[in-house]
Amino acid sequence: MKKLSEFKDDAALDVIANLIEPVIEICQDKDVATQFKAGKQGAAIATAIRAHKSAIMTIMAALEEVPVEEYHCNMLTLPMDLVGLLNDEDMISFFKSQGLVTQDSSGSATVTTEESKK
């Protein structure tokens, strides 16, 4: 599994494009965010895995540079891949940068426009 910093040029763009949606999905999960903020990283990761299996698989496949349909894991490989993921400082920064996005906030132009009319 590659670290984010190892992807260059077009490959970097492709990986970021593949990561944005699943990372935002996980970061918007209030249970995951609450557990991380409480210092319960293990519980947060377990919750993310249970509630966001497809997102986790998409992230892992992107870092392995294979289509999600071709990514396979087992009881030995997944924990090792997750440890690698969590030891990648750039990936952690990417997750943290998406932490600003919550289910209570909206990037919608409609909401912004309506709020500015008040």
N, C-alpha and C. Protein backbone atom coordinates (compact mmCIF):
# COMPACT_ATOMS: atom_id res chain seq x y z
N MET A 1 0.84 -1.18 0.00
CA MET A 1 0.00 0.00 0.00
C MET A 1 0.89 1.24 0.00
N LYS A 2 0.60 2.16 -0.90
CA LYS A 2 1.38 3.39 -0.98
C LYS A 2 0.88 4.43 0.01
N LYS A 3 1.79 5.29 0.42
CA LYS A 3 1.43 6.46 1.20
C LYS A 3 0.98 7.55 0.22
N LEU A 4 0.18 8.49 0.70
CA LEU A 4 -0.29 9.56 -0.18
C LEU A 4 0.85 10.31 -0.84
N SER A 5 1.92 10.54 -0.11
CA SER A 5 3.04 11.31 -0.65
C SER A 5 3.77 10.60 -1.78
N GLU A 6 3.52 9.31 -1.95
CA GLU A 6 4.18 8.54 -3.00
C GLU A 6 3.48 8.64 -4.35
N PHE A 7 2.28 9.16 -4.36
CA PHE A 7 1.56 9.34 -5.61
C PHE A 7 1.96 10.66 -6.24
N LYS A 8 2.25 10.65 -7.52
CA LYS A 8 2.71 11.86 -8.21
C LYS A 8 1.85 12.13 -9.44
N ASP A 9 1.75 13.39 -9.80
CA ASP A 9 1.13 13.85 -11.03
C ASP A 9 -0.27 13.27 -11.23
N ASP A 10 -0.52 12.65 -12.39
CA ASP A 10 -1.85 12.13 -12.70
C ASP A 10 -2.31 11.10 -11.68
N ALA A 11 -1.40 10.26 -11.21
CA ALA A 11 -1.76 9.24 -10.22
C ALA A 11 -2.25 9.91 -8.93
N ALA A 12 -1.62 11.01 -8.54
CA ALA A 12 -2.04 11.74 -7.34
C ALA A 12 -3.45 12.30 -7.52
N LEU A 13 -3.72 12.84 -8.69
CA LEU A 13 -5.06 13.37 -8.96
C LEU A 13 -6.11 12.26 -8.93
N ASP A 14 -5.78 11.13 -9.52
CA ASP A 14 -6.72 10.01 -9.53
C ASP A 14 -7.00 9.50 -8.12
N VAL A 15 -5.97 9.38 -7.31
CA VAL A 15 -6.15 8.88 -5.95
C VAL A 15 -6.99 9.85 -5.12
N ILE A 16 -6.68 11.13 -5.20
CA ILE A 16 -7.47 12.12 -4.45
C ILE A 16 -8.91 12.09 -4.91
N ALA A 17 -9.15 11.99 -6.20
CA ALA A 17 -10.52 11.92 -6.72
C ALA A 17 -11.25 10.70 -6.16
N ASN A 18 -10.53 9.59 -6.02
CA ASN A 18 -11.14 8.37 -5.50
C ASN A 18 -11.33 8.41 -3.98
N LEU A 19 -10.54 9.22 -3.30
CA LEU A 19 -10.60 9.27 -1.83
C LEU A 19 -11.60 10.28 -1.28
N ILE A 20 -11.88 11.33 -2.00
CA ILE A 20 -12.67 12.43 -1.45
C ILE A 20 -14.02 11.97 -0.90
N GLU A 21 -14.81 11.29 -1.71
CA GLU A 21 -16.14 10.90 -1.25
C GLU A 21 -16.13 9.95 -0.06
N PRO A 22 -15.32 8.87 -0.09
CA PRO A 22 -15.35 7.99 1.09
C PRO A 22 -14.79 8.64 2.35
N VAL A 23 -13.80 9.50 2.21
CA VAL A 23 -13.24 10.17 3.39
C VAL A 23 -14.29 11.12 3.97
N ILE A 24 -14.96 11.88 3.12
CA ILE A 24 -16.01 12.79 3.61
C ILE A 24 -17.13 12.00 4.27
N GLU A 25 -17.51 10.88 3.66
CA GLU A 25 -18.57 10.03 4.25
C GLU A 25 -18.21 9.64 5.68
N ILE A 26 -16.99 9.18 5.88
CA ILE A 26 -16.56 8.76 7.22
C ILE A 26 -16.47 9.95 8.16
N CYS A 27 -15.93 11.06 7.69
CA CYS A 27 -15.77 12.24 8.54
C CYS A 27 -17.10 12.87 8.94
N GLN A 28 -18.13 12.65 8.15
CA GLN A 28 -19.45 13.20 8.49
C GLN A 28 -20.20 12.35 9.50
N ASP A 29 -19.68 11.19 9.82
CA ASP A 29 -20.34 10.30 10.78
C ASP A 29 -20.12 10.86 12.19
N LYS A 30 -21.19 11.30 12.81
CA LYS A 30 -21.09 11.94 14.13
C LYS A 30 -20.55 10.98 15.19
N ASP A 31 -20.90 9.70 15.11
CA ASP A 31 -20.39 8.74 16.08
C ASP A 31 -18.88 8.59 15.97
N VAL A 32 -18.38 8.51 14.75
CA VAL A 32 -16.94 8.39 14.53
C VAL A 32 -16.23 9.64 15.06
N ALA A 33 -16.76 10.81 14.71
CA ALA A 33 -16.15 12.07 15.14
C ALA A 33 -16.14 12.19 16.66
N THR A 34 -17.25 11.84 17.30
CA THR A 34 -17.34 11.93 18.76
C THR A 34 -16.32 11.01 19.43
N GLN A 35 -16.19 9.79 18.91
CA GLN A 35 -15.23 8.85 19.49
C GLN A 35 -13.80 9.32 19.31
N PHE A 36 -13.47 9.86 18.12
CA PHE A 36 -12.11 10.38 17.91
C PHE A 36 -11.83 11.54 18.86
N LYS A 37 -12.78 12.45 18.98
CA LYS A 37 -12.58 13.62 19.85
C LYS A 37 -12.43 13.21 21.31
N ALA A 38 -13.06 12.09 21.68
CA ALA A 38 -12.97 11.59 23.06
C ALA A 38 -11.70 10.77 23.28
N GLY A 39 -10.87 10.66 22.25
CA GLY A 39 -9.63 9.91 22.38
C GLY A 39 -9.81 8.40 22.24
N LYS A 40 -10.95 7.99 21.74
CA LYS A 40 -11.25 6.56 21.58
C LYS A 40 -11.04 6.15 20.12
N GLN A 41 -9.78 6.22 19.67
CA GLN A 41 -9.46 5.95 18.28
C GLN A 41 -9.86 4.54 17.86
N GLY A 42 -9.62 3.55 18.72
CA GLY A 42 -9.98 2.18 18.39
C GLY A 42 -11.47 2.03 18.15
N ALA A 43 -12.26 2.62 19.04
CA ALA A 43 -13.72 2.56 18.88
C ALA A 43 -14.16 3.30 17.62
N ALA A 44 -13.52 4.44 17.34
CA ALA A 44 -13.86 5.21 16.15
C ALA A 44 -13.57 4.42 14.88
N ILE A 45 -12.43 3.74 14.86
CA ILE A 45 -12.07 2.93 13.69
C ILE A 45 -13.04 1.77 13.54
N ALA A 46 -13.37 1.11 14.63
CA ALA A 46 -14.33 0.00 14.58
C ALA A 46 -15.69 0.48 14.09
N THR A 47 -16.13 1.62 14.56
CA THR A 47 -17.40 2.19 14.11
C THR A 47 -17.34 2.51 12.63
N ALA A 48 -16.24 3.10 12.19
CA ALA A 48 -16.09 3.44 10.76
C ALA A 48 -16.13 2.18 9.91
N ILE A 49 -15.46 1.14 10.36
CA ILE A 49 -15.45 -0.12 9.59
C ILE A 49 -16.85 -0.71 9.52
N ARG A 50 -17.56 -0.75 10.66
CA ARG A 50 -18.90 -1.32 10.67
C ARG A 50 -19.88 -0.52 9.82
N ALA A 51 -19.84 0.79 9.95
CA ALA A 51 -20.84 1.64 9.31
C ALA A 51 -20.49 2.05 7.89
N HIS A 52 -19.23 1.92 7.51
CA HIS A 52 -18.79 2.45 6.22
C HIS A 52 -17.90 1.46 5.48
N LYS A 53 -18.34 0.21 5.41
CA LYS A 53 -17.54 -0.83 4.77
C LYS A 53 -17.15 -0.47 3.34
N SER A 54 -18.10 0.01 2.58
CA SER A 54 -17.82 0.36 1.18
C SER A 54 -16.80 1.49 1.09
N ALA A 55 -16.92 2.47 1.95
CA ALA A 55 -15.97 3.59 1.96
C ALA A 55 -14.56 3.10 2.32
N ILE A 56 -14.47 2.25 3.32
CA ILE A 56 -13.17 1.69 3.72
C ILE A 56 -12.56 0.91 2.56
N MET A 57 -13.36 0.08 1.91
CA MET A 57 -12.86 -0.71 0.79
C MET A 57 -12.40 0.19 -0.36
N THR A 58 -13.13 1.27 -0.60
CA THR A 58 -12.76 2.21 -1.66
C THR A 58 -11.43 2.89 -1.35
N ILE A 59 -11.25 3.29 -0.10
CA ILE A 59 -10.00 3.93 0.32
C ILE A 59 -8.83 2.96 0.17
N MET A 60 -9.01 1.75 0.65
CA MET A 60 -7.92 0.78 0.60
C MET A 60 -7.57 0.42 -0.86
N ALA A 61 -8.59 0.26 -1.69
CA ALA A 61 -8.35 -0.05 -3.11
C ALA A 61 -7.60 1.08 -3.80
N ALA A 62 -7.98 2.33 -3.49
CA ALA A 62 -7.31 3.48 -4.10
C ALA A 62 -5.83 3.50 -3.74
N LEU A 63 -5.52 3.18 -2.50
CA LEU A 63 -4.12 3.19 -2.07
C LEU A 63 -3.34 2.00 -2.61
N GLU A 64 -4.04 0.95 -2.99
CA GLU A 64 -3.40 -0.21 -3.62
C GLU A 64 -3.38 -0.05 -5.15
N GLU A 65 -4.01 1.00 -5.63
CA GLU A 65 -4.09 1.29 -7.07
C GLU A 65 -4.77 0.17 -7.87
N VAL A 66 -5.85 -0.34 -7.28
CA VAL A 66 -6.66 -1.35 -7.97
C VAL A 66 -8.12 -0.93 -7.90
N PRO A 67 -8.93 -1.36 -8.86
CA PRO A 67 -10.37 -1.09 -8.75
C PRO A 67 -10.92 -1.73 -7.47
N VAL A 68 -11.93 -1.12 -6.89
CA VAL A 68 -12.47 -1.62 -5.63
C VAL A 68 -12.93 -3.07 -5.77
N GLU A 69 -13.39 -3.46 -6.94
CA GLU A 69 -13.83 -4.84 -7.17
C GLU A 69 -12.67 -5.83 -7.09
N GLU A 70 -11.46 -5.35 -7.29
CA GLU A 70 -10.28 -6.21 -7.26
C GLU A 70 -9.53 -6.17 -5.92
N TYR A 71 -9.94 -5.28 -5.03
CA TYR A 71 -9.28 -5.21 -3.72
C TYR A 71 -9.87 -6.29 -2.82
N HIS A 72 -9.01 -7.08 -2.23
CA HIS A 72 -9.44 -8.12 -1.30
C HIS A 72 -8.61 -8.02 -0.03
N CYS A 73 -9.24 -8.31 1.08
CA CYS A 73 -8.54 -8.29 2.35
C CYS A 73 -8.99 -9.49 3.17
N ASN A 74 -8.22 -9.77 4.19
CA ASN A 74 -8.60 -10.83 5.11
C ASN A 74 -8.24 -10.39 6.53
N MET A 75 -8.39 -11.28 7.46
CA MET A 75 -8.15 -10.95 8.87
C MET A 75 -6.70 -10.54 9.15
N LEU A 76 -5.79 -10.92 8.31
CA LEU A 76 -4.39 -10.54 8.50
C LEU A 76 -4.02 -9.29 7.72
N THR A 77 -4.48 -9.19 6.48
CA THR A 77 -4.07 -8.07 5.64
C THR A 77 -4.76 -6.77 6.00
N LEU A 78 -6.04 -6.83 6.35
CA LEU A 78 -6.76 -5.59 6.64
C LEU A 78 -6.18 -4.85 7.85
N PRO A 79 -5.96 -5.51 8.98
CA PRO A 79 -5.35 -4.77 10.11
C PRO A 79 -3.99 -4.16 9.75
N MET A 80 -3.19 -4.90 9.00
CA MET A 80 -1.88 -4.36 8.61
C MET A 80 -2.06 -3.16 7.68
N ASP A 81 -3.01 -3.24 6.74
CA ASP A 81 -3.27 -2.12 5.84
C ASP A 81 -3.81 -0.92 6.61
N LEU A 82 -4.68 -1.17 7.59
CA LEU A 82 -5.22 -0.07 8.39
C LEU A 82 -4.14 0.59 9.23
N VAL A 83 -3.23 -0.19 9.77
CA VAL A 83 -2.11 0.38 10.53
C VAL A 83 -1.26 1.25 9.60
N GLY A 84 -1.00 0.76 8.39
CA GLY A 84 -0.26 1.55 7.41
C GLY A 84 -0.97 2.85 7.09
N LEU A 85 -2.27 2.76 6.93
CA LEU A 85 -3.09 3.94 6.63
C LEU A 85 -3.00 4.94 7.77
N LEU A 86 -3.13 4.47 9.01
CA LEU A 86 -3.12 5.35 10.17
C LEU A 86 -1.74 5.87 10.53
N ASN A 87 -0.70 5.26 9.98
CA ASN A 87 0.66 5.75 10.19
C ASN A 87 1.12 6.71 9.09
N ASP A 88 0.27 6.92 8.10
CA ASP A 88 0.58 7.84 7.00
C ASP A 88 0.15 9.25 7.43
N GLU A 89 1.13 10.08 7.79
CA GLU A 89 0.82 11.42 8.28
C GLU A 89 0.03 12.25 7.27
N ASP A 90 0.33 12.06 5.98
CA ASP A 90 -0.41 12.80 4.95
C ASP A 90 -1.88 12.36 4.90
N MET A 91 -2.13 11.07 5.08
CA MET A 91 -3.51 10.58 5.09
C MET A 91 -4.25 11.11 6.30
N ILE A 92 -3.59 11.13 7.45
CA ILE A 92 -4.21 11.67 8.66
C ILE A 92 -4.54 13.15 8.45
N SER A 93 -3.65 13.89 7.84
CA SER A 93 -3.91 15.30 7.54
C SER A 93 -5.09 15.45 6.60
N PHE A 94 -5.17 14.54 5.62
CA PHE A 94 -6.29 14.58 4.67
C PHE A 94 -7.61 14.34 5.41
N PHE A 95 -7.63 13.36 6.31
CA PHE A 95 -8.84 13.11 7.10
C PHE A 95 -9.17 14.32 7.96
N LYS A 96 -8.16 14.89 8.61
CA LYS A 96 -8.40 16.04 9.48
C LYS A 96 -8.93 17.23 8.68
N SER A 97 -8.41 17.43 7.49
CA SER A 97 -8.89 18.55 6.68
C SER A 97 -10.36 18.38 6.31
N GLN A 98 -10.80 17.15 6.18
CA GLN A 98 -12.20 16.89 5.87
C GLN A 98 -13.07 16.94 7.11
N GLY A 99 -12.46 16.95 8.28
CA GLY A 99 -13.20 17.00 9.53
C GLY A 99 -13.98 18.29 9.71
N LEU A 100 -13.66 19.28 8.92
CA LEU A 100 -14.41 20.53 8.97
C LEU A 100 -15.80 20.35 8.41
N VAL A 101 -15.99 19.32 7.63
CA VAL A 101 -17.29 19.03 7.02
C VAL A 101 -18.08 18.17 7.98
N THR A 102 -19.23 18.66 8.40
CA THR A 102 -20.09 17.89 9.29
C THR A 102 -21.46 17.79 8.67
N GLN A 103 -22.29 16.93 9.22
CA GLN A 103 -23.65 16.79 8.69
C GLN A 103 -24.47 18.04 8.95
N ASP A 104 -24.06 18.85 9.93
CA ASP A 104 -24.81 20.05 10.24
C ASP A 104 -24.46 21.23 9.33
N SER A 105 -23.35 21.14 8.60
CA SER A 105 -22.95 22.24 7.74
C SER A 105 -23.31 21.92 6.32
N SER A 106 -23.36 22.96 5.51
CA SER A 106 -23.72 22.75 4.12
C SER A 106 -22.85 23.62 3.24
N GLY A 107 -22.38 23.04 2.17
CA GLY A 107 -21.65 23.80 1.17
C GLY A 107 -22.57 24.22 0.05
N SER A 108 -23.84 24.05 0.26
CA SER A 108 -24.83 24.32 -0.78
C SER A 108 -24.93 25.80 -1.07
N ALA A 109 -24.92 26.15 -2.34
CA ALA A 109 -25.07 27.56 -2.74
C ALA A 109 -26.46 28.06 -2.36
N THR A 110 -27.45 27.20 -2.37
CA THR A 110 -28.81 27.59 -2.01
C THR A 110 -28.86 28.04 -0.56
N VAL A 111 -28.25 27.28 0.32
CA VAL A 111 -28.25 27.63 1.73
C VAL A 111 -27.50 28.93 1.94
N THR A 112 -26.36 29.09 1.32
CA THR A 112 -25.57 30.30 1.44
C THR A 112 -26.37 31.50 0.95
N THR A 113 -27.01 31.38 -0.19
CA THR A 113 -27.79 32.47 -0.75
C THR A 113 -28.95 32.83 0.15
N GLU A 114 -29.66 31.83 0.66
CA GLU A 114 -30.80 32.10 1.53
C GLU A 114 -30.35 32.78 2.80
N GLU A 115 -29.23 32.36 3.36
CA GLU A 115 -28.74 32.96 4.59
C GLU A 115 -28.31 34.40 4.36
N SER A 116 -27.77 34.72 3.20
CA SER A 116 -27.31 36.08 2.93
C SER A 116 -28.49 37.03 2.70
N LYS A 117 -29.68 36.50 2.39
CA LYS A 117 -30.86 37.34 2.17
C LYS A 117 -31.46 37.81 3.48
N LYS A 118 -31.11 37.15 4.60
CA LYS A 118 -31.71 37.52 5.90
C LYS A 118 -31.20 38.82 6.41
